[in-house]
Amino acid sequence: MSIHTGLNRAVGTAFLLVLAGACSVLPAAAAAYETYTYSYEGKAQISPNAYIPLYELSAFGEAGALNKPADILADADSGRVFIADKENNRIVVLDEQLDFLQTVDSFVNADGGQDGFNQPQGVFVADTGELYVADTANARLVVFNSDLTYSRTIDAPPADILPENFKYNPKAVAVDGSGRIYVVSQNSNMGVIALDADGSFEGFLGAQRVTPNMAELFWRMFMTDEQIARTSSFVPVEYSNLTIDDKGFVYVTSAEIDRYSLYSAVWSRSTDSSYAPIKKINPSGTDVLRRNGFFPPVGDISFDAYAGADTVEPSQIGEVALLDNNMYALVDTKDSKVFTYDSYGNLLYAFGGTGEALGLYTQLASVAFLGDRMLALDSADGSVTVLEKTEYAGMIDEVIGYQENREFDKAVAKWNEVLGLNNNFDMAYLGIGKTLLEQGDYQEAMDYFRLINNKSYYSRAYKLYRQEILGKVGIVLLLAAGVLVVLVVKFFAFARRYNQRMLVQGRTGTFRSELMYGFYTMFHPFDGFYELKREKRGSLRAASLILAVACGAYLLKYLGACYLEKSVESPPSLISSLLNLLLPVALWCAANWCLTSLMDGKGSMRDIYIACCYALVPMILFMVPASLLSHFLVQEELPLLAFFSGIGTVWSLALVFFGTMTIHDYSFGKNILVTALTIVGIGLILFLLMIFFSLTGRMVALVDNVVKEITFRS
């Protein structure tokens, strides 16, 4: 082994300060970048700096300059820092003050021959103090003792064990407490390679799969070979790096994920790992990473779904580094940024960027944490930037520790201190809400969750709050529900008897009987709509009132929706809520009348309008109670309520169909044809309206320009 002993610490420090051209040590009053996080709505929120750059090192004592370094590692136990200096084929070793200690560039191997590295890209220090080096181009791992003397070489697994055409070029390595070795191989999509303590091959873990959907498979049938080549392949994705925590969980990153699938995962707030740039794999190969933050941990969430000119690209996660309290940091090698998350996947802060100023990078490749300092390795510049943790980041670390240890009172107090420095930090409100939730203060927790529009946690808190209330007044509510059911049953029985009496007596014309007849058409559509037209059981005034009540039901559904159903980002307006009903009714009546006039229809526009309005009765009867009940349900129960409300809508649509058939005296088959043509007619009317409004807008703009020109010339 050739080990170059460094200067002592004092001399080394003086040497670095003198060589200002090669090594810049610049104190920073403020960072050249902005630190930020994302709100629950996905908006970037500027926050106080979590780390401040202190200085940048570009020369390292006797080691000189680095050449395309690939990895940096800080060993907390020994205080040493290791840099994989890729193009110089060596490992540079520094002390905790980043003074040069030695380089490891050659060694005597087990056969007694002189040996060296070939483009090493990864370093890792095991619990035993041994240094593992991923000697990439030599296709092996080289292990050194804690004093950096050569220990052993772990060659590539036998070719007959690996898949055909598999190339073993380890670029990252990690070792668990039992000595089991995990390797990421360059240009491999088979997953993480697992070796036992002796280096024998055990298998592959956690391959990142890409699952095509049916639409993608369908369109590929019509693509040329060139188009298929430009699309993503349906093969596992390559891992870019890995590390391991003290519990034996392996964290792996993927730099290249199908961007549309990643975009969909972000904005659907997916907790699935199918398209995830970061995984936490247990010894059996299962991903157990929690993705319960506002968005899954992917780096920047503001990117375009499709590639093209001037589109914003997604982050390329090239490395993961672990911090205390189960936090972890992701390195975006595209934009040279660092994203720090807690164990639940909440983004705590993000910072960095590309540029020439201190704290910006040409190509950020790796980061390491040593005490309150972060060491950022710039691969292109061959430099290391030293950043210091701020009070703000220290407070966040402290409060995350309280939460991990379930010290909730301390957590709330500390979160309030964080809010004193950054009152736009949604994560702080979430943290307080979660703490109140754990303490059983459900109502106040709901207020905090609603403040940041986090419906998921609001629903959890409301569910527990509802259980608490039901425990006190559950019997009363149950009796009230029973009474309500009895009243509804009695009302329908009364409506049935009333309508039968009116039919027997032949009494028509009273407003009351016209309204009550709507309950008859619900259950007897053929007789009901026949009597509605032939015997004048209905009227325009009753139909219009039913339509008005239906409009009220729609207003209740959209404007009076419960918090969990209402969109805070784009709340509905009064006009849009009414148009959701009035426009379809108007278009149906107009299109159906135009068609049936040409197809021997017996019904007039009046008959079509009345039948359409009377058909809305089931929708009203289902929609109103569904809208009211939604205020008492939690998130996972709302789909059942939507199904209940949908029954009324389908019932009403069926009545429209049978009402049309009855008033026009059509056969079932002909009515299907007319219904289909009516839908086509509605589309045509909408198209013509779009052209009309477009031409009107252009005419108005033309007249406005002429008036302005005349005014200007005069």
Foldseek 3Di string as FASTA:
>chain_A
DDKDFFDDPVVQVVVQVVPCVQWPFAADPAAPKFKWAAFLVGDTDTAPDQWHFGTKHQQAGPVGGAALWFEWEADQVQQKIWIQRFVVQWIWIAHNVSHGGIIGAWAQAPVRHIGGAHRWHEWEQAPQLKIWIQRFVQLWIWIAHNVRHGDHIQHHEDPVVDDPPDDRGFNYWEAANQQWIWTFGPPDQQAIWIAHNVNYTDGHAARQFADDDPVVVVVVVVDDPVVVVPADDRGTAGWQYWYADHVGWIKIFGQDFQQLVLLVQFVVQHQDRNGARIFTQHPVRDGDQASQASGAPFPRNPWDNDDDPPTRDGFGFRDKEADPLQKIWTARQVFRKIWIAHRNRYTPMMIEGDDDDQRHEPGFNYWYDHPQWIWTAHSNSSMIIIIGGDPLNVLVVVLSNCVSVVVLVVNLVSLVVNCVRPVPPLVSLLSNLVSCVVVVVLVVSLVSCVVSLNQVVNLVSLVSVLVVVCVPCVVVVVVVVVVVVVVVVVVLVVLVVVLVVCVVVLDADDLVQQLSLLSVCLVVVQVSLLCVPPSVRHDPVNLVVLLVLVLVLLCLVQVVAASSPADPVDRDDSVVSSCVPPVVLVLLLVLLQVVLVVVQFQAHSRSLSSQLSSLLVLLSVLSNVLRVCNNNHGDVCNVVSVVSSVVSVVSSVVSSLSSRCNRRVHDNVVSVVSVVSSVVSSVVVVVVVVVVVVVVVVVVVVVVVVVVVVVVVD
